[in-house]
PDB file of N, CA and C in Angstrom:
ATOM      1  N   MET A   1      23.642  73.697   0.601  1.00  0.00           N
ATOM      2  CA  MET A   1      22.923  73.318   1.714  1.00  0.00           C
ATOM      3  C   MET A   1      22.460  74.672   2.637  1.00  0.00           C
ATOM      4  N   MET A   2      21.404  74.472   3.060  1.00  0.00           N
ATOM      5  CA  MET A   2      20.792  75.638   3.985  1.00  0.00           C
ATOM      6  C   MET A   2      20.818  75.148   5.509  1.00  0.00           C
ATOM      7  N   THR A   3      20.666  76.241   6.360  1.00  0.00           N
ATOM      8  CA  THR A   3      20.585  75.843   7.904  1.00  0.00           C
ATOM      9  C   THR A   3      19.331  75.118   7.873  1.00  0.00           C
ATOM     10  N   SER A   4      19.466  74.474   9.179  1.00  0.00           N
ATOM     11  CA  SER A   4      18.348  73.841   9.552  1.00  0.00           C
ATOM     12  C   SER A   4      17.132  74.503   9.630  1.00  0.00           C
ATOM     13  N   THR A   5      17.245  75.548  10.248  1.00  0.00           N
ATOM     14  CA  THR A   5      16.099  76.640  10.607  1.00  0.00           C
ATOM     15  C   THR A   5      15.504  77.055   9.051  1.00  0.00           C
ATOM     16  N   SER A   6      16.334  77.297   8.316  1.00  0.00           N
ATOM     17  CA  SER A   6      15.731  77.722   6.873  1.00  0.00           C
ATOM     18  C   SER A   6      15.024  76.594   6.085  1.00  0.00           C
ATOM     19  N   ALA A   7      15.781  75.272   6.404  1.00  0.00           N
ATOM     20  CA  ALA A   7      15.085  74.279   5.977  1.00  0.00           C
ATOM     21  C   ALA A   7      13.683  73.957   6.424  1.00  0.00           C
ATOM     22  N   GLU A   8      13.691  74.454   7.576  1.00  0.00           N
ATOM     23  CA  GLU A   8      12.249  73.863   8.145  1.00  0.00           C
ATOM     24  C   GLU A   8      11.175  75.050   7.840  1.00  0.00           C
ATOM     25  N   LEU A   9      11.812  76.118   7.775  1.00  0.00           N
ATOM     26  CA  LEU A   9      10.957  77.328   7.232  1.00  0.00           C
ATOM     27  C   LEU A   9      10.430  77.321   5.755  1.00  0.00           C
ATOM     28  N   LEU A  10      11.239  76.674   5.132  1.00  0.00           N
ATOM     29  CA  LEU A  10      11.052  76.435   3.523  1.00  0.00           C
ATOM     30  C   LEU A  10       9.898  75.010   3.533  1.00  0.00           C
ATOM     31  N   ALA A  11      10.240  74.287   4.625  1.00  0.00           N
ATOM     32  CA  ALA A  11       9.556  73.095   4.229  1.00  0.00           C
ATOM     33  C   ALA A  11       7.871  73.549   4.751  1.00  0.00           C
ATOM     34  N   VAL A  12       7.737  74.370   5.709  1.00  0.00           N
ATOM     35  CA  VAL A  12       6.649  74.684   6.075  1.00  0.00           C
ATOM     36  C   VAL A  12       6.032  75.474   4.785  1.00  0.00           C
ATOM     37  N   GLU A  13       6.603  76.176   4.056  1.00  0.00           N
ATOM     38  CA  GLU A  13       6.123  76.996   3.083  1.00  0.00           C
ATOM     39  C   GLU A  13       5.539  76.100   1.975  1.00  0.00           C
ATOM     40  N   LEU A  14       6.284  74.879   1.511  1.00  0.00           N
ATOM     41  CA  LEU A  14       6.065  74.090   0.470  1.00  0.00           C
ATOM     42  C   LEU A  14       5.128  73.431   1.151  1.00  0.00           C
ATOM     43  N   ALA A  15       4.546  73.153   2.185  1.00  0.00           N
ATOM     44  CA  ALA A  15       3.425  72.325   2.917  1.00  0.00           C
ATOM     45  C   ALA A  15       2.193  73.085   2.496  1.00  0.00           C
ATOM     46  N   ARG A  16       2.405  74.552   2.625  1.00  0.00           N
ATOM     47  CA  ARG A  16       1.327  75.430   2.675  1.00  0.00           C
ATOM     48  C   ARG A  16       0.927  75.645   1.001  1.00  0.00           C
ATOM     49  N   VAL A  17       1.930  75.550   0.258  1.00  0.00           N
ATOM     50  CA  VAL A  17       1.765  75.622  -1.139  1.00  0.00           C
ATOM     51  C   VAL A  17       1.031  74.259  -1.756  1.00  0.00           C
ATOM     52  N   ALA A  18       1.355  73.194  -1.108  1.00  0.00           N
ATOM     53  CA  ALA A  18       0.940  71.987  -1.378  1.00  0.00           C
ATOM     54  C   ALA A  18      -0.860  71.839  -1.205  1.00  0.00           C
ATOM     55  N   ASP A  19      -1.127  72.524   0.092  1.00  0.00           N
ATOM     56  CA  ASP A  19      -2.403  72.695   0.468  1.00  0.00           C
ATOM     57  C   ASP A  19      -2.995  73.679  -0.206  1.00  0.00           C
ATOM     58  N   ASP A  20      -2.489  74.706  -0.808  1.00  0.00           N
ATOM     59  CA  ASP A  20      -3.254  75.799  -1.548  1.00  0.00           C
ATOM     60  C   ASP A  20      -3.406  75.195  -2.924  1.00  0.00           C
ATOM     61  N   ASN A  21      -2.705  74.109  -3.209  1.00  0.00           N
ATOM     62  CA  ASN A  21      -2.966  73.405  -4.608  1.00  0.00           C
ATOM     63  C   ASN A  21      -3.726  72.131  -4.365  1.00  0.00           C
ATOM     64  N   LYS A  22      -4.627  72.113  -3.365  1.00  0.00           N
ATOM     65  CA  LYS A  22      -5.619  71.011  -3.191  1.00  0.00           C
ATOM     66  C   LYS A  22      -5.044  69.598  -3.050  1.00  0.00           C
ATOM     67  N   CYS A  23      -3.794  69.546  -2.432  1.00  0.00           N
ATOM     68  CA  CYS A  23      -3.153  68.432  -2.320  1.00  0.00           C
ATOM     69  C   CYS A  23      -3.892  67.883  -0.839  1.00  0.00           C
ATOM     70  N   SER A  24      -3.972  66.653  -0.478  1.00  0.00           N
ATOM     71  CA  SER A  24      -4.719  66.438   0.803  1.00  0.00           C
ATOM     72  C   SER A  24      -3.677  65.625   1.754  1.00  0.00           C
ATOM     73  N   ASP A  25      -3.888  65.669   3.007  1.00  0.00           N
ATOM     74  CA  ASP A  25      -3.283  64.922   3.969  1.00  0.00           C
ATOM     75  C   ASP A  25      -1.689  65.191   4.176  1.00  0.00           C
ATOM     76  N   VAL A  26      -1.414  66.653   3.928  1.00  0.00           N
ATOM     77  CA  VAL A  26      -0.119  67.008   3.872  1.00  0.00           C
ATOM     78  C   VAL A  26       0.566  67.087   5.187  1.00  0.00           C
ATOM     79  N   THR A  27       1.880  66.291   5.300  1.00  0.00           N
ATOM     80  CA  THR A  27       2.538  66.244   6.581  1.00  0.00           C
ATOM     81  C   THR A  27       3.985  66.542   6.179  1.00  0.00           C
ATOM     82  N   ILE A  28       4.509  66.939   7.320  1.00  0.00           N
ATOM     83  CA  ILE A  28       5.989  67.407   7.090  1.00  0.00           C
ATOM     84  C   ILE A  28       6.598  66.519   8.392  1.00  0.00           C
ATOM     85  N   MET A  29       7.667  65.920   7.853  1.00  0.00           N
ATOM     86  CA  MET A  29       8.602  64.707   8.962  1.00  0.00           C
ATOM     87  C   MET A  29       9.671  65.539   9.200  1.00  0.00           C
ATOM     88  N   ASP A  30      10.244  65.472  10.489  1.00  0.00           N
ATOM     89  CA  ASP A  30      11.619  65.979  10.519  1.00  0.00           C
ATOM     90  C   ASP A  30      12.406  65.024  10.824  1.00  0.00           C
ATOM     91  N   LEU A  31      13.239  64.637   9.893  1.00  0.00           N
ATOM     92  CA  LEU A  31      14.106  63.584   9.685  1.00  0.00           C
ATOM     93  C   LEU A  31      15.503  64.090  10.147  1.00  0.00           C
ATOM     94  N   ARG A  32      15.614  65.318  10.707  1.00  0.00           N
ATOM     95  CA  ARG A  32      17.242  65.492  11.361  1.00  0.00           C
ATOM     96  C   ARG A  32      17.449  64.606  12.473  1.00  0.00           C
ATOM     97  N   GLY A  33      18.517  64.142  12.395  1.00  0.00           N
ATOM     98  CA  GLY A  33      19.220  63.014  13.120  1.00  0.00           C
ATOM     99  C   GLY A  33      18.748  61.536  13.013  1.00  0.00           C
ATOM    100  N   ARG A  34      17.858  61.396  12.150  1.00  0.00           N
ATOM    101  CA  ARG A  34      17.088  60.130  11.883  1.00  0.00           C
ATOM    102  C   ARG A  34      17.457  59.464  10.376  1.00  0.00           C
ATOM    103  N   SER A  35      17.880  60.542   9.456  1.00  0.00           N
ATOM    104  CA  SER A  35      18.161  59.904   8.179  1.00  0.00           C
ATOM    105  C   SER A  35      19.506  60.922   7.507  1.00  0.00           C
ATOM    106  N   SER A  36      20.072  60.430   6.721  1.00  0.00           N
ATOM    107  CA  SER A  36      21.153  61.142   5.927  1.00  0.00           C
ATOM    108  C   SER A  36      20.517  61.290   4.562  1.00  0.00           C
ATOM    109  N   VAL A  37      19.448  61.017   4.279  1.00  0.00           N
ATOM    110  CA  VAL A  37      19.006  61.395   2.755  1.00  0.00           C
ATOM    111  C   VAL A  37      18.594  62.941   2.841  1.00  0.00           C
ATOM    112  N   ALA A  38      17.844  63.295   4.013  1.00  0.00           N
ATOM    113  CA  ALA A  38      17.210  64.688   3.885  1.00  0.00           C
ATOM    114  C   ALA A  38      16.881  65.102   5.477  1.00  0.00           C
ATOM    115  N   ASP A  39      16.755  66.336   5.513  1.00  0.00           N
ATOM    116  CA  ASP A  39      16.485  66.732   6.720  1.00  0.00           C
ATOM    117  C   ASP A  39      14.788  66.630   7.082  1.00  0.00           C
ATOM    118  N   PHE A  40      14.175  67.001   6.123  1.00  0.00           N
ATOM    119  CA  PHE A  40      12.616  66.910   6.108  1.00  0.00           C
ATOM    120  C   PHE A  40      12.271  66.255   4.951  1.00  0.00           C
ATOM    121  N   PHE A  41      10.987  65.342   5.118  1.00  0.00           N
ATOM    122  CA  PHE A  41      10.103  65.034   4.050  1.00  0.00           C
ATOM    123  C   PHE A  41       8.793  65.505   4.316  1.00  0.00           C
ATOM    124  N   ILE A  42       8.370  66.160   2.985  1.00  0.00           N
ATOM    125  CA  ILE A  42       7.078  66.572   2.837  1.00  0.00           C
ATOM    126  C   ILE A  42       6.048  65.379   2.075  1.00  0.00           C
ATOM    127  N   VAL A  43       5.057  64.988   2.676  1.00  0.00           N
ATOM    128  CA  VAL A  43       4.135  63.858   1.845  1.00  0.00           C
ATOM    129  C   VAL A  43       2.907  64.414   1.913  1.00  0.00           C
ATOM    130  N   CYS A  44       2.165  64.175   0.524  1.00  0.00           N
ATOM    131  CA  CYS A  44       0.946  64.471   0.380  1.00  0.00           C
ATOM    132  C   CYS A  44       0.376  63.663  -0.561  1.00  0.00           C
ATOM    133  N   SER A  45      -0.832  63.779  -0.705  1.00  0.00           N
ATOM    134  CA  SER A  45      -1.792  63.116  -1.930  1.00  0.00           C
ATOM    135  C   SER A  45      -2.343  64.020  -2.842  1.00  0.00           C
ATOM    136  N   GLY A  46      -2.232  63.627  -4.056  1.00  0.00           N
ATOM    137  CA  GLY A  46      -2.905  64.268  -5.045  1.00  0.00           C
ATOM    138  C   GLY A  46      -4.294  63.543  -5.772  1.00  0.00           C
ATOM    139  N   SER A  47      -5.100  64.369  -6.208  1.00  0.00           N
ATOM    140  CA  SER A  47      -6.224  63.396  -6.804  1.00  0.00           C
ATOM    141  C   SER A  47      -6.272  62.992  -8.264  1.00  0.00           C
ATOM    142  N   SER A  48      -5.297  63.675  -9.050  1.00  0.00           N
ATOM    143  CA  SER A  48      -5.238  63.222 -10.302  1.00  0.00           C
ATOM    144  C   SER A  48      -3.734  63.523 -10.878  1.00  0.00           C
ATOM    145  N   ASP A  49      -3.415  63.078 -11.990  1.00  0.00           N
ATOM    146  CA  ASP A  49      -2.149  63.559 -12.436  1.00  0.00           C
ATOM    147  C   ASP A  49      -2.028  64.882 -12.704  1.00  0.00           C
ATOM    148  N   ARG A  50      -3.096  65.651 -13.372  1.00  0.00           N
ATOM    149  CA  ARG A  50      -2.815  66.980 -13.677  1.00  0.00           C
ATOM    150  C   ARG A  50      -2.789  67.605 -12.334  1.00  0.00           C
ATOM    151  N   GLN A  51      -3.489  67.492 -11.412  1.00  0.00           N
ATOM    152  CA  GLN A  51      -3.198  68.312 -10.142  1.00  0.00           C
ATOM    153  C   GLN A  51      -2.000  67.920  -9.385  1.00  0.00           C
ATOM    154  N   MET A  52      -1.507  66.607  -9.541  1.00  0.00           N
ATOM    155  CA  MET A  52      -0.126  66.377  -8.790  1.00  0.00           C
ATOM    156  C   MET A  52       0.827  67.073  -9.680  1.00  0.00           C
ATOM    157  N   ARG A  53       0.790  67.085 -10.888  1.00  0.00           N
ATOM    158  CA  ARG A  53       1.812  67.968 -11.818  1.00  0.00           C
ATOM    159  C   ARG A  53       1.878  69.459 -11.449  1.00  0.00           C
ATOM    160  N   SER A  54       0.446  69.886 -11.238  1.00  0.00           N
ATOM    161  CA  SER A  54       0.562  71.435 -11.163  1.00  0.00           C
ATOM    162  C   SER A  54       0.901  71.849  -9.592  1.00  0.00           C
ATOM    163  N   SER A  55       0.868  70.836  -8.691  1.00  0.00           N
ATOM    164  CA  SER A  55       1.427  70.943  -7.429  1.00  0.00           C
ATOM    165  C   SER A  55       2.756  70.972  -7.480  1.00  0.00           C
ATOM    166  N   TYR A  56       3.276  70.008  -7.811  1.00  0.00           N
ATOM    167  CA  TYR A  56       4.635  69.970  -8.082  1.00  0.00           C
ATOM    168  C   TYR A  56       5.466  71.306  -8.625  1.00  0.00           C
ATOM    169  N   ASP A  57       4.789  71.677  -9.783  1.00  0.00           N
ATOM    170  CA  ASP A  57       5.178  73.005 -10.639  1.00  0.00           C
ATOM    171  C   ASP A  57       5.176  74.073  -9.672  1.00  0.00           C
ATOM    172  N   ALA A  58       4.021  74.049  -8.717  1.00  0.00           N
ATOM    173  CA  ALA A  58       4.063  75.180  -7.881  1.00  0.00           C
ATOM    174  C   ALA A  58       5.063  75.387  -6.680  1.00  0.00           C
ATOM    175  N   MET A  59       5.152  74.194  -6.277  1.00  0.00           N
ATOM    176  CA  MET A  59       6.237  73.884  -5.216  1.00  0.00           C
ATOM    177  C   MET A  59       7.303  74.296  -5.685  1.00  0.00           C
ATOM    178  N   ALA A  60       7.912  73.864  -6.890  1.00  0.00           N
ATOM    179  CA  ALA A  60       9.215  74.161  -7.508  1.00  0.00           C
ATOM    180  C   ALA A  60       9.418  75.400  -7.594  1.00  0.00           C
ATOM    181  N   GLU A  61       8.613  75.931  -8.295  1.00  0.00           N
ATOM    182  CA  GLU A  61       8.660  77.691  -8.537  1.00  0.00           C
ATOM    183  C   GLU A  61       8.692  78.448  -7.134  1.00  0.00           C
ATOM    184  N   HIS A  62       8.020  78.088  -6.222  1.00  0.00           N
ATOM    185  CA  HIS A  62       8.137  78.646  -4.837  1.00  0.00           C
ATOM    186  C   HIS A  62       9.414  78.575  -4.371  1.00  0.00           C
ATOM    187  N   ALA A  63       9.919  77.287  -4.225  1.00  0.00           N
ATOM    188  CA  ALA A  63      11.064  77.170  -4.093  1.00  0.00           C
ATOM    189  C   ALA A  63      12.247  78.033  -4.785  1.00  0.00           C
ATOM    190  N   LYS A  64      12.106  78.161  -6.004  1.00  0.00           N
ATOM    191  CA  LYS A  64      13.129  78.722  -6.725  1.00  0.00           C
ATOM    192  C   LYS A  64      12.889  80.339  -6.137  1.00  0.00           C
ATOM    193  N   LYS A  65      11.596  81.009  -6.012  1.00  0.00           N
ATOM    194  CA  LYS A  65      11.614  82.409  -5.685  1.00  0.00           C
ATOM    195  C   LYS A  65      12.309  82.559  -4.291  1.00  0.00           C
ATOM    196  N   LEU A  66      12.337  81.494  -3.667  1.00  0.00           N
ATOM    197  CA  LEU A  66      12.839  81.594  -2.068  1.00  0.00           C
ATOM    198  C   LEU A  66      14.411  81.369  -2.214  1.00  0.00           C
ATOM    199  N   GLY A  67      14.925  80.944  -3.119  1.00  0.00           N
ATOM    200  CA  GLY A  67      16.438  80.701  -3.440  1.00  0.00           C
ATOM    201  C   GLY A  67      16.695  79.492  -3.409  1.00  0.00           C
ATOM    202  N   SER A  68      15.934  78.326  -3.220  1.00  0.00           N
ATOM    203  CA  SER A  68      16.303  76.900  -3.342  1.00  0.00           C
ATOM    204  C   SER A  68      15.887  76.202  -4.690  1.00  0.00           C
ATOM    205  N   ARG A  69      16.988  76.145  -5.701  1.00  0.00           N
ATOM    206  CA  ARG A  69      16.577  75.561  -6.710  1.00  0.00           C
ATOM    207  C   ARG A  69      16.509  73.968  -6.556  1.00  0.00           C
ATOM    208  N   PRO A  70      15.725  73.275  -7.375  1.00  0.00           N
ATOM    209  CA  PRO A  70      15.387  71.716  -7.480  1.00  0.00           C
ATOM    210  C   PRO A  70      16.489  71.122  -7.771  1.00  0.00           C
ATOM    211  N   TYR A  71      16.930  70.116  -7.117  1.00  0.00           N
ATOM    212  CA  TYR A  71      18.343  69.082  -7.446  1.00  0.00           C
ATOM    213  C   TYR A  71      17.814  68.020  -8.451  1.00  0.00           C
ATOM    214  N   GLY A  72      16.529  67.544  -8.152  1.00  0.00           N
ATOM    215  CA  GLY A  72      16.254  66.431  -9.004  1.00  0.00           C
ATOM    216  C   GLY A  72      14.871  66.325  -9.062  1.00  0.00           C
ATOM    217  N   ARG A  73      14.112  65.568 -10.049  1.00  0.00           N
ATOM    218  CA  ARG A  73      12.699  65.424 -10.166  1.00  0.00           C
ATOM    219  C   ARG A  73      12.613  63.928 -10.719  1.00  0.00           C
ATOM    220  N   ALA A  74      11.473  63.075  -9.927  1.00  0.00           N
ATOM    221  CA  ALA A  74      11.378  61.760 -10.504  1.00  0.00           C
ATOM    222  C   ALA A  74       9.922  61.503 -10.520  1.00  0.00           C
ATOM    223  N   GLY A  75       9.361  60.745 -11.621  1.00  0.00           N
ATOM    224  CA  GLY A  75       8.044  60.340 -11.750  1.00  0.00           C
ATOM    225  C   GLY A  75       7.091  61.460 -12.150  1.00  0.00           C
ATOM    226  N   TYR A  76       7.337  62.626 -12.695  1.00  0.00           N
ATOM    227  CA  TYR A  76       6.558  63.559 -12.966  1.00  0.00           C
ATOM    228  C   TYR A  76       5.971  63.059 -14.383  1.00  0.00           C
ATOM    229  N   ASP A  77       6.180  62.360 -15.254  1.00  0.00           N
ATOM    230  CA  ASP A  77       5.537  61.992 -16.279  1.00  0.00           C
ATOM    231  C   ASP A  77       4.521  60.750 -16.026  1.00  0.00           C
ATOM    232  N   HIS A  78       4.964  59.818 -15.104  1.00  0.00           N
ATOM    233  CA  HIS A  78       3.827  58.760 -14.869  1.00  0.00           C
ATOM    234  C   HIS A  78       3.074  59.194 -13.676  1.00  0.00           C
ATOM    235  N   ALA A  79       3.176  60.226 -12.790  1.00  0.00           N
ATOM    236  CA  ALA A  79       2.310  60.823 -11.858  1.00  0.00           C
ATOM    237  C   ALA A  79       1.646  59.743 -10.921  1.00  0.00           C
ATOM    238  N   GLU A  80       2.367  58.908 -10.323  1.00  0.00           N
ATOM    239  CA  GLU A  80       1.735  58.127  -9.307  1.00  0.00           C
ATOM    240  C   GLU A  80       2.598  58.621  -7.940  1.00  0.00           C
ATOM    241  N   TRP A  81       4.000  58.841  -8.332  1.00  0.00           N
ATOM    242  CA  TRP A  81       4.718  59.265  -6.952  1.00  0.00           C
ATOM    243  C   TRP A  81       5.411  60.404  -7.631  1.00  0.00           C
ATOM    244  N   ILE A  82       5.544  61.678  -7.427  1.00  0.00           N
ATOM    245  CA  ILE A  82       6.178  62.555  -7.921  1.00  0.00           C
ATOM    246  C   ILE A  82       7.053  63.033  -6.694  1.00  0.00           C
ATOM    247  N   LEU A  83       8.506  62.921  -7.074  1.00  0.00           N
ATOM    248  CA  LEU A  83       9.327  63.613  -5.966  1.00  0.00           C
ATOM    249  C   LEU A  83      10.133  64.764  -6.328  1.00  0.00           C
ATOM    250  N   LEU A  84      10.158  65.726  -5.944  1.00  0.00           N
ATOM    251  CA  LEU A  84      10.842  66.774  -5.812  1.00  0.00           C
ATOM    252  C   LEU A  84      12.126  67.114  -4.597  1.00  0.00           C
ATOM    253  N   ASP A  85      13.144  67.072  -5.417  1.00  0.00           N
ATOM    254  CA  ASP A  85      14.376  66.840  -4.410  1.00  0.00           C
ATOM    255  C   ASP A  85      15.135  68.228  -4.284  1.00  0.00           C
ATOM    256  N   LEU A  86      15.123  68.911  -2.846  1.00  0.00           N
ATOM    257  CA  LEU A  86      15.638  70.095  -2.896  1.00  0.00           C
ATOM    258  C   LEU A  86      16.974  69.806  -1.762  1.00  0.00           C
ATOM    259  N   VAL A  87      17.471  68.710  -1.769  1.00  0.00           N
ATOM    260  CA  VAL A  87      18.588  68.136  -1.097  1.00  0.00           C
ATOM    261  C   VAL A  87      18.153  68.345   0.342  1.00  0.00           C
ATOM    262  N   ASP A  88      18.052  69.296   1.254  1.00  0.00           N
ATOM    263  CA  ASP A  88      17.325  69.367   2.571  1.00  0.00           C
ATOM    264  C   ASP A  88      16.085  68.934   2.647  1.00  0.00           C
ATOM    265  N   ILE A  89      15.343  69.096   1.667  1.00  0.00           N
ATOM    266  CA  ILE A  89      13.800  68.706   1.564  1.00  0.00           C
ATOM    267  C   ILE A  89      13.562  67.951   0.677  1.00  0.00           C
ATOM    268  N   VAL A  90      12.848  66.771   0.741  1.00  0.00           N
ATOM    269  CA  VAL A  90      12.293  66.115  -0.446  1.00  0.00           C
ATOM    270  C   VAL A  90      10.885  66.121  -0.192  1.00  0.00           C
ATOM    271  N   VAL A  91      10.230  66.379  -1.348  1.00  0.00           N
ATOM    272  CA  VAL A  91       8.762  66.460  -1.385  1.00  0.00           C
ATOM    273  C   VAL A  91       8.347  64.982  -2.222  1.00  0.00           C
ATOM    274  N   HIS A  92       7.369  64.447  -1.514  1.00  0.00           N
ATOM    275  CA  HIS A  92       6.663  63.246  -2.101  1.00  0.00           C
ATOM    276  C   HIS A  92       5.152  63.495  -2.310  1.00  0.00           C
ATOM    277  N   ILE A  93       4.891  63.584  -3.643  1.00  0.00           N
ATOM    278  CA  ILE A  93       3.266  63.846  -4.168  1.00  0.00           C
ATOM    279  C   ILE A  93       2.768  62.502  -4.593  1.00  0.00           C
ATOM    280  N   PHE A  94       1.956  61.644  -3.675  1.00  0.00           N
ATOM    281  CA  PHE A  94       1.490  60.406  -4.142  1.00  0.00           C
ATOM    282  C   PHE A  94      -0.004  60.451  -4.571  1.00  0.00           C
ATOM    283  N   THR A  95      -0.200  59.366  -5.375  1.00  0.00           N
ATOM    284  CA  THR A  95      -1.551  59.138  -5.494  1.00  0.00           C
ATOM    285  C   THR A  95      -2.054  58.502  -4.201  1.00  0.00           C
ATOM    286  N   PRO A  96      -3.535  58.471  -3.829  1.00  0.00           N
ATOM    287  CA  PRO A  96      -3.578  57.751  -2.423  1.00  0.00           C
ATOM    288  C   PRO A  96      -3.091  56.316  -2.362  1.00  0.00           C
ATOM    289  N   GLU A  97      -3.352  55.885  -3.421  1.00  0.00           N
ATOM    290  CA  GLU A  97      -3.197  54.218  -3.453  1.00  0.00           C
ATOM    291  C   GLU A  97      -1.784  53.999  -3.435  1.00  0.00           C
ATOM    292  N   THR A  98      -0.704  54.713  -3.834  1.00  0.00           N
ATOM    293  CA  THR A  98       0.702  54.672  -3.889  1.00  0.00           C
ATOM    294  C   THR A  98       1.362  54.887  -2.663  1.00  0.00           C
ATOM    295  N   ARG A  99       0.430  56.213  -1.842  1.00  0.00           N
ATOM    296  CA  ARG A  99       0.923  56.484  -0.603  1.00  0.00           C
ATOM    297  C   ARG A  99       0.555  55.467   0.337  1.00  0.00           C
ATOM    298  N   ARG A 100      -0.607  54.703   0.176  1.00  0.00           N
ATOM    299  CA  ARG A 100      -0.791  53.520   1.070  1.00  0.00           C
ATOM    300  C   ARG A 100       0.154  52.370   1.200  1.00  0.00           C
ATOM    301  N   TYR A 101       0.415  52.012  -0.138  1.00  0.00           N
ATOM    302  CA  TYR A 101       1.461  51.236  -0.360  1.00  0.00           C
ATOM    303  C   TYR A 101       2.709  51.351   0.089  1.00  0.00           C
ATOM    304  N   TYR A 102       3.533  52.552  -0.154  1.00  0.00           N
ATOM    305  CA  TYR A 102       4.903  52.730   0.604  1.00  0.00           C
ATOM    306  C   TYR A 102       4.840  53.386   1.867  1.00  0.00           C
ATOM    307  N   ASP A 103       3.755  53.824   2.537  1.00  0.00           N
ATOM    308  CA  ASP A 103       3.289  54.179   3.814  1.00  0.00           C
ATOM    309  C   ASP A 103       4.693  54.918   4.341  1.00  0.00           C
ATOM    310  N   LEU A 104       5.382  55.983   3.613  1.00  0.00           N
ATOM    311  CA  LEU A 104       6.380  56.468   4.592  1.00  0.00           C
ATOM    312  C   LEU A 104       6.032  57.009   6.117  1.00  0.00           C
ATOM    313  N   GLU A 105       4.973  57.460   6.200  1.00  0.00           N
ATOM    314  CA  GLU A 105       4.344  57.779   7.506  1.00  0.00           C
ATOM    315  C   GLU A 105       4.891  56.506   8.601  1.00  0.00           C
ATOM    316  N   LEU A 106       4.565  55.459   8.388  1.00  0.00           N
ATOM    317  CA  LEU A 106       4.861  54.350   9.110  1.00  0.00           C
ATOM    318  C   LEU A 106       6.341  54.271   9.258  1.00  0.00           C
ATOM    319  N   LEU A 107       7.193  54.241   8.151  1.00  0.00           N
ATOM    320  CA  LEU A 107       8.699  53.817   8.240  1.00  0.00           C
ATOM    321  C   LEU A 107       9.277  54.924   8.883  1.00  0.00           C
ATOM    322  N   TRP A 108       8.916  56.131   8.806  1.00  0.00           N
ATOM    323  CA  TRP A 108       9.385  57.177   9.603  1.00  0.00           C
ATOM    324  C   TRP A 108       8.351  57.530  11.084  1.00  0.00           C
ATOM    325  N   GLY A 109       7.749  56.664  11.562  1.00  0.00           N
ATOM    326  CA  GLY A 109       6.532  56.887  12.492  1.00  0.00           C
ATOM    327  C   GLY A 109       7.134  57.681  13.786  1.00  0.00           C
ATOM    328  N   ASP A 110       8.638  57.603  14.200  1.00  0.00           N
ATOM    329  CA  ASP A 110       8.916  58.365  15.242  1.00  0.00           C
ATOM    330  C   ASP A 110       9.471  59.762  14.931  1.00  0.00           C
ATOM    331  N   ALA A 111       9.638  60.412  13.589  1.00  0.00           N
ATOM    332  CA  ALA A 111       9.756  61.402  13.331  1.00  0.00           C
ATOM    333  C   ALA A 111       8.803  62.399  13.721  1.00  0.00           C
ATOM    334  N   PRO A 112       9.337  63.666  14.182  1.00  0.00           N
ATOM    335  CA  PRO A 112       8.375  64.832  14.780  1.00  0.00           C
ATOM    336  C   PRO A 112       7.595  65.196  13.679  1.00  0.00           C
ATOM    337  N   ARG A 113       6.420  65.734  13.581  1.00  0.00           N
ATOM    338  CA  ARG A 113       5.726  66.153  12.629  1.00  0.00           C
ATOM    339  C   ARG A 113       5.561  67.855  12.786  1.00  0.00           C
ATOM    340  N   PRO A 114       6.264  68.902  12.295  1.00  0.00           N
ATOM    341  CA  PRO A 114       6.312  70.082  12.581  1.00  0.00           C
ATOM    342  C   PRO A 114       4.653  70.859  12.024  1.00  0.00           C
ATOM    343  N   ALA A 115       4.459  71.267  12.804  1.00  0.00           N
ATOM    344  CA  ALA A 115       3.134  72.231  12.344  1.00  0.00           C
ATOM    345  C   ALA A 115       3.352  73.268  11.124  1.00  0.00           C
ATOM    346  N   TRP A 116       2.402  73.275  10.159  1.00  0.00           N
ATOM    347  CA  TRP A 116       2.539  73.835   8.898  1.00  0.00           C
ATOM    348  C   TRP A 116       1.148  74.811   8.666  1.00  0.00           C
ATOM    349  N   THR A 117       0.444  74.499   9.322  1.00  0.00           N
ATOM    350  CA  THR A 117      -1.185  75.126   8.721  1.00  0.00           C
ATOM    351  C   THR A 117      -1.033  76.752   9.409  1.00  0.00           C
ATOM    352  N   ARG A 118      -1.541  77.444   8.646  1.00  0.00           N
ATOM    353  CA  ARG A 118      -1.748  78.964   8.886  1.00  0.00           C
ATOM    354  C   ARG A 118      -2.584  79.070  10.044  1.00  0.00           C
ATOM    355  N   SER A 119      -2.430  80.241  10.953  1.00  0.00           N
ATOM    356  CA  SER A 119      -3.146  80.435  11.909  1.00  0.00           C
ATOM    357  C   SER A 119      -4.532  81.066  11.699  1.00  0.00           C
ATOM    358  N   ALA A 120      -5.403  81.011  12.123  1.00  0.00           N
ATOM    359  CA  ALA A 120      -6.746  81.749  11.658  1.00  0.00           C
ATOM    360  C   ALA A 120      -6.803  83.224  11.301  1.00  0.00           C
ATOM    361  N   THR A 121      -5.824  83.799  12.057  1.00  0.00           N
ATOM    362  CA  THR A 121      -5.473  85.123  11.784  1.00  0.00           C
ATOM    363  C   THR A 121      -4.783  85.433  10.820  1.00  0.00           C
ATOM    364  N   ALA A 122      -3.960  84.609  10.106  1.00  0.00           N
ATOM    365  CA  ALA A 122      -3.038  84.766   9.189  1.00  0.00           C
ATOM    366  C   ALA A 122      -3.613  85.199   7.790  1.00  0.00           C
TER     367      ALA A 122
END
């Protein structure tokens, strides 16, 4: 397990990797004190199964480089909802239709949404 601060920093990094890999509507939800499942959810949408898998691969690889090995993975073969479990952070890569159906943002509507975008000078 990582510290709360390091988990938030990794969540920001992974949201940026998702954006760099053309995922849309990237959102971080801070679930600390709201869920025992994870401290952070990252939710994003992919445009195709190939793009969703490559985004997953890029995020998993980036997490490994930063010292956080994936604990589990689900949905990679079917690619409607790919889940990357890093224990403190869970990444959800959805097709737009599946994302609308499960609507995790509504379920966790009261969770703070940490900023993750790079500044214009970065």
